[in-house]
């Protein structure tokens, strides 16, 4: 189980983290991580969309170039 950690050990670590950071700060950190992950995913989708548009434009240019050559 998780490298030798049992339920008891995980609960002890959780209590120590809560005492050190507090509930408010942990929720704030989790919210910031969530928004960061969301921004990262949006950034990845944005670059994929741009590449797709450029790829389609490139194909259209190639087709028109082939038509003018013949």
Foldseek 3Di string as FASTA:
>chain_A
DVVPDDPVNVVVVVVVVCVVQNPVRVVVVVVVVVVVVVVVVVVVVVVVVVVVVVVVVVVVVVVVVVVVVD
